Amino acid sequence: MSLERLCLACGLCCDGTLFTHVALTDEESRRLGFDGVLRQPCENLGEGCRCRVYALRPKGCARFVCMLGRALEDKEVPFDEAVELVNEARRLREHLDALIPGELPAIPRARHYEAHGTDNELAVKVREARRALEAFTLRHFLGRR
């Protein structure tokens, strides 16, 4: 099973779950019309996790392969298991989204709520949900524990 197929089933690196931004070169900024940074969720992420600027995407995007993608390429994890890990990450993010809906990526939104929210009981639930999502993505996608 190919890395491309997994990426098209995932999109967590583009939707703001794994990253809040991608640094751009000056040339990429001019070409794509951004001011040095491509903020997440990426406005070029289309339906089915398809990048609308794939052929012209920034080098930071082109070079990135998550730890799960590398494990799939190295045949350390089967495709179905990799997709289930993606689905679990999405479930964790959706739980956080349900607690505090909004446009910003889930983890920064959660941190903001933890610092500035008025409902202490909800803040505890948000912190627990954020920590669960962060731990899961660090372990399975970003390779840090």
N, C-alpha and C. Protein backbone atom coordinates (compact mmCIF):
# COMPACT_ATOMS: atom_id res chain seq x y z
N MET A 1 0.84 -1.18 0.00
CA MET A 1 0.00 0.00 0.00
C MET A 1 0.89 1.24 0.00
N SER A 2 0.47 2.24 -0.71
CA SER A 2 1.34 3.40 -0.91
C SER A 2 1.16 4.48 0.15
N LEU A 3 2.22 5.24 0.31
CA LEU A 3 2.19 6.39 1.19
C LEU A 3 1.15 7.40 0.71
N GLU A 4 1.07 7.60 -0.60
CA GLU A 4 0.11 8.55 -1.14
C GLU A 4 -1.32 8.18 -0.74
N ARG A 5 -1.63 6.92 -0.78
CA ARG A 5 -2.98 6.46 -0.41
C ARG A 5 -3.26 6.75 1.07
N LEU A 6 -2.26 6.55 1.92
CA LEU A 6 -2.43 6.86 3.34
C LEU A 6 -2.63 8.36 3.52
N CYS A 7 -1.81 9.16 2.86
CA CYS A 7 -1.92 10.62 2.99
C CYS A 7 -3.29 11.10 2.55
N LEU A 8 -3.82 10.52 1.49
CA LEU A 8 -5.14 10.92 1.00
C LEU A 8 -6.26 10.46 1.93
N ALA A 9 -5.97 9.52 2.80
CA ALA A 9 -6.94 9.08 3.81
C ALA A 9 -6.76 9.85 5.12
N CYS A 10 -5.71 10.66 5.21
CA CYS A 10 -5.35 11.28 6.48
C CYS A 10 -5.55 12.80 6.48
N GLY A 11 -4.56 13.54 6.03
CA GLY A 11 -4.62 14.99 6.00
C GLY A 11 -4.36 15.69 7.32
N LEU A 12 -3.94 14.96 8.34
CA LEU A 12 -3.73 15.56 9.66
C LEU A 12 -2.60 16.59 9.67
N CYS A 13 -1.67 16.47 8.74
CA CYS A 13 -0.58 17.46 8.67
C CYS A 13 -1.05 18.75 8.03
N CYS A 14 -2.14 18.72 7.28
CA CYS A 14 -2.65 19.90 6.59
C CYS A 14 -3.85 20.54 7.27
N ASP A 15 -4.54 19.80 8.11
CA ASP A 15 -5.78 20.33 8.70
C ASP A 15 -5.58 21.01 10.05
N GLY A 16 -4.33 21.13 10.48
CA GLY A 16 -4.04 21.82 11.74
C GLY A 16 -3.90 20.91 12.94
N THR A 17 -4.07 19.61 12.76
CA THR A 17 -3.96 18.70 13.89
C THR A 17 -2.50 18.51 14.31
N LEU A 18 -1.60 18.35 13.35
CA LEU A 18 -0.19 18.11 13.67
C LEU A 18 0.63 19.39 13.74
N PHE A 19 0.27 20.38 12.90
CA PHE A 19 1.05 21.61 12.81
C PHE A 19 0.12 22.81 12.76
N THR A 20 0.63 23.96 13.20
CA THR A 20 -0.14 25.19 13.08
C THR A 20 0.27 26.01 11.86
N HIS A 21 1.46 25.72 11.31
CA HIS A 21 1.93 26.49 10.16
C HIS A 21 3.08 25.76 9.47
N VAL A 22 3.35 26.20 8.25
CA VAL A 22 4.51 25.72 7.48
C VAL A 22 5.27 26.97 7.03
N ALA A 23 6.55 27.02 7.33
CA ALA A 23 7.38 28.15 6.89
C ALA A 23 7.58 28.07 5.39
N LEU A 24 7.57 29.24 4.76
CA LEU A 24 7.73 29.32 3.31
C LEU A 24 9.00 30.08 2.96
N THR A 25 9.59 29.72 1.83
CA THR A 25 10.69 30.52 1.30
C THR A 25 10.08 31.79 0.70
N ASP A 26 10.92 32.77 0.40
CA ASP A 26 10.43 34.00 -0.22
C ASP A 26 9.74 33.70 -1.55
N GLU A 27 10.35 32.81 -2.33
CA GLU A 27 9.77 32.45 -3.63
C GLU A 27 8.42 31.77 -3.46
N GLU A 28 8.29 30.86 -2.49
CA GLU A 28 7.02 30.19 -2.23
C GLU A 28 5.95 31.18 -1.78
N SER A 29 6.35 32.13 -0.95
CA SER A 29 5.41 33.16 -0.48
C SER A 29 4.86 33.96 -1.65
N ARG A 30 5.74 34.37 -2.55
CA ARG A 30 5.29 35.14 -3.73
C ARG A 30 4.39 34.28 -4.61
N ARG A 31 4.82 33.07 -4.89
CA ARG A 31 4.09 32.19 -5.80
C ARG A 31 2.71 31.83 -5.27
N LEU A 32 2.63 31.54 -3.97
CA LEU A 32 1.37 31.10 -3.38
C LEU A 32 0.53 32.24 -2.79
N GLY A 33 1.13 33.43 -2.70
CA GLY A 33 0.39 34.57 -2.19
C GLY A 33 0.24 34.61 -0.68
N PHE A 34 1.22 34.08 0.04
CA PHE A 34 1.20 34.11 1.50
C PHE A 34 2.38 34.92 2.00
N ASP A 35 2.30 35.39 3.23
CA ASP A 35 3.33 36.24 3.79
C ASP A 35 4.29 35.45 4.67
N GLY A 36 5.09 34.58 4.07
CA GLY A 36 6.13 33.86 4.79
C GLY A 36 5.70 32.60 5.52
N VAL A 37 4.39 32.45 5.73
CA VAL A 37 3.89 31.32 6.50
C VAL A 37 2.58 30.83 5.90
N LEU A 38 2.46 29.53 5.81
CA LEU A 38 1.21 28.91 5.38
C LEU A 38 0.53 28.40 6.65
N ARG A 39 -0.50 29.09 7.09
CA ARG A 39 -1.19 28.73 8.33
C ARG A 39 -2.10 27.52 8.11
N GLN A 40 -2.26 26.74 9.18
CA GLN A 40 -3.12 25.56 9.14
C GLN A 40 -4.42 25.87 9.87
N PRO A 41 -5.54 25.35 9.50
CA PRO A 41 -5.67 24.41 8.40
C PRO A 41 -5.40 25.11 7.07
N CYS A 42 -4.78 24.38 6.18
CA CYS A 42 -4.37 24.92 4.90
C CYS A 42 -5.59 25.16 4.02
N GLU A 43 -5.69 26.34 3.49
CA GLU A 43 -6.83 26.67 2.62
C GLU A 43 -6.78 25.91 1.29
N ASN A 44 -5.63 25.30 0.99
CA ASN A 44 -5.49 24.52 -0.24
C ASN A 44 -5.83 23.05 -0.06
N LEU A 45 -6.22 22.67 1.15
CA LEU A 45 -6.62 21.29 1.40
C LEU A 45 -8.05 21.12 0.92
N GLY A 46 -8.20 20.32 -0.13
CA GLY A 46 -9.51 20.11 -0.72
C GLY A 46 -10.17 18.84 -0.23
N GLU A 47 -11.30 18.55 -0.81
CA GLU A 47 -12.06 17.35 -0.47
C GLU A 47 -11.22 16.10 -0.70
N GLY A 48 -11.38 15.12 0.17
CA GLY A 48 -10.62 13.88 0.03
C GLY A 48 -9.14 14.06 0.33
N CYS A 49 -8.81 15.06 1.14
CA CYS A 49 -7.43 15.36 1.52
C CYS A 49 -6.55 15.64 0.30
N ARG A 50 -7.12 16.19 -0.73
CA ARG A 50 -6.37 16.50 -1.94
C ARG A 50 -5.88 17.95 -1.88
N CYS A 51 -4.59 18.11 -2.10
CA CYS A 51 -3.97 19.43 -2.11
C CYS A 51 -4.24 20.08 -3.47
N ARG A 52 -4.80 21.29 -3.43
CA ARG A 52 -5.11 21.99 -4.68
C ARG A 52 -3.88 22.60 -5.34
N VAL A 53 -2.76 22.66 -4.61
CA VAL A 53 -1.52 23.19 -5.19
C VAL A 53 -0.40 22.13 -5.13
N TYR A 54 -0.79 20.87 -5.21
CA TYR A 54 0.15 19.77 -5.00
C TYR A 54 1.43 19.91 -5.83
N ALA A 55 1.30 20.20 -7.11
CA ALA A 55 2.48 20.31 -7.97
C ALA A 55 3.36 21.50 -7.59
N LEU A 56 2.79 22.50 -6.94
CA LEU A 56 3.51 23.70 -6.55
C LEU A 56 3.65 23.85 -5.05
N ARG A 57 3.33 22.80 -4.31
CA ARG A 57 3.30 22.90 -2.85
C ARG A 57 4.67 23.28 -2.29
N PRO A 58 4.68 23.89 -1.12
CA PRO A 58 5.95 24.29 -0.50
C PRO A 58 6.86 23.09 -0.22
N LYS A 59 8.15 23.36 -0.19
CA LYS A 59 9.12 22.30 0.08
C LYS A 59 8.89 21.68 1.45
N GLY A 60 8.50 22.48 2.42
CA GLY A 60 8.22 21.95 3.76
C GLY A 60 7.13 20.91 3.74
N CYS A 61 6.15 21.10 2.90
CA CYS A 61 5.06 20.13 2.75
C CYS A 61 5.56 18.90 1.98
N ALA A 62 6.29 19.14 0.90
CA ALA A 62 6.75 18.04 0.05
C ALA A 62 7.70 17.11 0.79
N ARG A 63 8.53 17.66 1.65
CA ARG A 63 9.52 16.84 2.35
C ARG A 63 8.96 16.08 3.55
N PHE A 64 7.87 16.56 4.12
CA PHE A 64 7.38 15.96 5.35
C PHE A 64 6.71 14.61 5.10
N VAL A 65 7.17 13.62 5.84
CA VAL A 65 6.50 12.32 5.92
C VAL A 65 6.43 11.99 7.41
N CYS A 66 5.24 11.78 7.90
CA CYS A 66 5.09 11.50 9.33
C CYS A 66 5.67 10.13 9.68
N MET A 67 5.81 9.89 10.96
CA MET A 67 6.36 8.63 11.43
C MET A 67 5.50 7.45 10.99
N LEU A 68 4.19 7.62 10.98
CA LEU A 68 3.31 6.55 10.54
C LEU A 68 3.52 6.26 9.06
N GLY A 69 3.68 7.30 8.27
CA GLY A 69 3.96 7.13 6.84
C GLY A 69 5.25 6.40 6.60
N ARG A 70 6.27 6.74 7.38
CA ARG A 70 7.56 6.04 7.24
C ARG A 70 7.43 4.56 7.64
N ALA A 71 6.67 4.31 8.70
CA ALA A 71 6.45 2.92 9.14
C ALA A 71 5.72 2.13 8.06
N LEU A 72 4.77 2.76 7.38
CA LEU A 72 4.07 2.11 6.28
C LEU A 72 5.03 1.82 5.13
N GLU A 73 5.84 2.81 4.76
CA GLU A 73 6.82 2.62 3.68
C GLU A 73 7.80 1.49 4.00
N ASP A 74 8.19 1.40 5.27
CA ASP A 74 9.15 0.37 5.70
C ASP A 74 8.49 -0.96 6.01
N LYS A 75 7.18 -1.05 5.76
CA LYS A 75 6.40 -2.27 5.97
C LYS A 75 6.42 -2.72 7.44
N GLU A 76 6.52 -1.74 8.33
CA GLU A 76 6.48 -2.02 9.77
C GLU A 76 5.05 -2.03 10.28
N VAL A 77 4.15 -1.43 9.51
CA VAL A 77 2.74 -1.37 9.89
C VAL A 77 1.91 -1.59 8.62
N PRO A 78 0.89 -2.45 8.70
CA PRO A 78 0.04 -2.66 7.52
C PRO A 78 -0.87 -1.44 7.28
N PHE A 79 -1.32 -1.29 6.05
CA PHE A 79 -2.14 -0.15 5.66
C PHE A 79 -3.39 -0.03 6.53
N ASP A 80 -4.11 -1.11 6.75
CA ASP A 80 -5.35 -1.05 7.53
C ASP A 80 -5.10 -0.56 8.95
N GLU A 81 -4.00 -0.98 9.55
CA GLU A 81 -3.65 -0.53 10.90
C GLU A 81 -3.30 0.95 10.88
N ALA A 82 -2.58 1.39 9.85
CA ALA A 82 -2.23 2.80 9.73
C ALA A 82 -3.50 3.66 9.62
N VAL A 83 -4.45 3.22 8.81
CA VAL A 83 -5.71 3.97 8.66
C VAL A 83 -6.46 4.00 9.98
N GLU A 84 -6.45 2.93 10.74
CA GLU A 84 -7.13 2.92 12.04
C GLU A 84 -6.47 3.92 13.00
N LEU A 85 -5.15 4.06 12.94
CA LEU A 85 -4.47 5.05 13.78
C LEU A 85 -4.87 6.47 13.36
N VAL A 86 -5.00 6.70 12.06
CA VAL A 86 -5.48 7.99 11.56
C VAL A 86 -6.90 8.24 12.09
N ASN A 87 -7.75 7.24 12.00
CA ASN A 87 -9.13 7.39 12.47
C ASN A 87 -9.20 7.66 13.96
N GLU A 88 -8.33 7.04 14.74
CA GLU A 88 -8.31 7.29 16.18
C GLU A 88 -7.86 8.73 16.46
N ALA A 89 -6.89 9.21 15.74
CA ALA A 89 -6.46 10.60 15.91
C ALA A 89 -7.62 11.55 15.58
N ARG A 90 -8.34 11.24 14.53
CA ARG A 90 -9.51 12.06 14.17
C ARG A 90 -10.57 12.02 15.25
N ARG A 91 -10.82 10.85 15.83
CA ARG A 91 -11.81 10.73 16.91
C ARG A 91 -11.40 11.60 18.10
N LEU A 92 -10.12 11.56 18.44
CA LEU A 92 -9.63 12.37 19.55
C LEU A 92 -9.79 13.86 19.25
N ARG A 93 -9.48 14.26 18.01
CA ARG A 93 -9.63 15.67 17.63
C ARG A 93 -11.11 16.06 17.61
N GLU A 94 -11.97 15.19 17.11
CA GLU A 94 -13.40 15.50 17.06
C GLU A 94 -13.98 15.64 18.47
N HIS A 95 -13.47 14.86 19.41
CA HIS A 95 -13.91 15.01 20.80
C HIS A 95 -13.55 16.40 21.32
N LEU A 96 -12.34 16.83 21.03
CA LEU A 96 -11.90 18.16 21.43
C LEU A 96 -12.73 19.23 20.72
N ASP A 97 -12.99 19.04 19.43
CA ASP A 97 -13.82 19.98 18.67
C ASP A 97 -15.23 20.08 19.25
N ALA A 98 -15.77 18.97 19.73
CA ALA A 98 -17.11 18.97 20.31
C ALA A 98 -17.14 19.75 21.63
N LEU A 99 -16.05 19.69 22.37
CA LEU A 99 -16.00 20.43 23.64
C LEU A 99 -15.93 21.93 23.41
N ILE A 100 -15.11 22.34 22.44
CA ILE A 100 -14.94 23.77 22.16
C ILE A 100 -14.85 23.98 20.64
N PRO A 101 -15.99 24.14 20.00
CA PRO A 101 -16.00 24.36 18.56
C PRO A 101 -15.28 25.66 18.20
N GLY A 102 -14.76 25.71 16.99
CA GLY A 102 -14.11 26.94 16.52
C GLY A 102 -13.35 26.70 15.24
N GLU A 103 -12.81 27.78 14.71
CA GLU A 103 -12.10 27.73 13.43
C GLU A 103 -10.62 27.41 13.59
N LEU A 104 -10.00 27.81 14.67
CA LEU A 104 -8.58 27.56 14.86
C LEU A 104 -8.31 26.07 14.99
N PRO A 105 -7.08 25.65 14.71
CA PRO A 105 -6.73 24.24 14.95
C PRO A 105 -7.02 23.86 16.40
N ALA A 106 -7.36 22.59 16.59
CA ALA A 106 -7.87 22.11 17.88
C ALA A 106 -6.92 22.35 19.05
N ILE A 107 -5.65 22.04 18.91
CA ILE A 107 -4.74 22.13 20.05
C ILE A 107 -4.51 23.58 20.48
N PRO A 108 -4.19 24.51 19.57
CA PRO A 108 -4.07 25.91 20.01
C PRO A 108 -5.38 26.46 20.57
N ARG A 109 -6.52 26.07 19.98
CA ARG A 109 -7.82 26.50 20.48
C ARG A 109 -8.02 25.99 21.90
N ALA A 110 -7.64 24.75 22.15
CA ALA A 110 -7.78 24.18 23.49
C ALA A 110 -6.88 24.90 24.49
N ARG A 111 -5.65 25.16 24.09
CA ARG A 111 -4.74 25.88 25.00
C ARG A 111 -5.28 27.26 25.34
N HIS A 112 -5.83 27.93 24.34
CA HIS A 112 -6.42 29.25 24.58
C HIS A 112 -7.58 29.13 25.57
N TYR A 113 -8.43 28.14 25.39
CA TYR A 113 -9.56 27.97 26.30
C TYR A 113 -9.07 27.65 27.71
N GLU A 114 -8.07 26.80 27.81
CA GLU A 114 -7.54 26.46 29.13
C GLU A 114 -7.04 27.70 29.85
N ALA A 115 -6.43 28.63 29.11
CA ALA A 115 -5.89 29.84 29.71
C ALA A 115 -6.94 30.92 29.97
N HIS A 116 -7.98 30.98 29.11
CA HIS A 116 -8.90 32.11 29.18
C HIS A 116 -10.37 31.73 29.35
N GLY A 117 -10.69 30.43 29.36
CA GLY A 117 -12.09 30.01 29.48
C GLY A 117 -12.65 30.32 30.85
N THR A 118 -13.96 30.44 30.90
CA THR A 118 -14.61 30.80 32.16
C THR A 118 -15.16 29.60 32.92
N ASP A 119 -15.30 28.48 32.26
CA ASP A 119 -15.88 27.29 32.88
C ASP A 119 -14.75 26.35 33.32
N ASN A 120 -14.47 26.32 34.62
CA ASN A 120 -13.35 25.51 35.11
C ASN A 120 -13.55 24.02 34.86
N GLU A 121 -14.78 23.53 35.01
CA GLU A 121 -15.05 22.11 34.78
C GLU A 121 -14.80 21.75 33.31
N LEU A 122 -15.24 22.61 32.41
CA LEU A 122 -14.99 22.38 30.99
C LEU A 122 -13.50 22.49 30.68
N ALA A 123 -12.81 23.43 31.32
CA ALA A 123 -11.37 23.59 31.10
C ALA A 123 -10.62 22.31 31.44
N VAL A 124 -11.04 21.62 32.48
CA VAL A 124 -10.41 20.35 32.85
C VAL A 124 -10.63 19.31 31.76
N LYS A 125 -11.86 19.23 31.26
CA LYS A 125 -12.17 18.28 30.18
C LYS A 125 -11.39 18.62 28.92
N VAL A 126 -11.28 19.90 28.62
CA VAL A 126 -10.52 20.34 27.45
C VAL A 126 -9.05 19.96 27.60
N ARG A 127 -8.49 20.21 28.78
CA ARG A 127 -7.08 19.87 29.01
C ARG A 127 -6.85 18.37 28.85
N GLU A 128 -7.73 17.57 29.40
CA GLU A 128 -7.59 16.11 29.28
C GLU A 128 -7.69 15.66 27.82
N ALA A 129 -8.62 16.23 27.08
CA ALA A 129 -8.80 15.88 25.66
C ALA A 129 -7.60 16.34 24.85
N ARG A 130 -7.09 17.56 25.12
CA ARG A 130 -5.91 18.07 24.41
C ARG A 130 -4.71 17.18 24.68
N ARG A 131 -4.49 16.85 25.93
CA ARG A 131 -3.34 16.00 26.27
C ARG A 131 -3.43 14.64 25.60
N ALA A 132 -4.62 14.07 25.54
CA ALA A 132 -4.80 12.77 24.88
C ALA A 132 -4.46 12.88 23.39
N LEU A 133 -4.95 13.93 22.74
CA LEU A 133 -4.65 14.12 21.31
C LEU A 133 -3.17 14.37 21.09
N GLU A 134 -2.58 15.22 21.89
CA GLU A 134 -1.14 15.51 21.74
C GLU A 134 -0.30 14.25 21.94
N ALA A 135 -0.59 13.50 22.98
CA ALA A 135 0.19 12.29 23.26
C ALA A 135 0.06 11.29 22.11
N PHE A 136 -1.15 11.14 21.60
CA PHE A 136 -1.38 10.19 20.51
C PHE A 136 -0.66 10.62 19.24
N THR A 137 -0.76 11.89 18.88
CA THR A 137 -0.10 12.35 17.66
C THR A 137 1.41 12.35 17.80
N LEU A 138 1.91 12.68 18.97
CA LEU A 138 3.36 12.63 19.17
C LEU A 138 3.87 11.19 19.05
N ARG A 139 3.13 10.27 19.60
CA ARG A 139 3.56 8.87 19.58
C ARG A 139 3.48 8.24 18.19
N HIS A 140 2.40 8.52 17.47
CA HIS A 140 2.17 7.80 16.21
C HIS A 140 2.52 8.57 14.95
N PHE A 141 2.59 9.91 15.03
CA PHE A 141 2.78 10.70 13.82
C PHE A 141 4.06 11.53 13.83
N LEU A 142 4.44 12.03 14.99
CA LEU A 142 5.57 12.95 15.04
C LEU A 142 6.83 12.33 15.66
N GLY A 143 6.71 11.15 16.23
CA GLY A 143 7.88 10.42 16.69
C GLY A 143 8.53 10.92 17.94
N ARG A 144 7.77 11.66 18.75
CA ARG A 144 8.30 12.13 20.03
C ARG A 144 7.40 11.59 21.13
N ARG A 145 7.99 11.33 22.28
CA ARG A 145 7.22 10.82 23.41
C ARG A 145 7.35 11.72 24.60
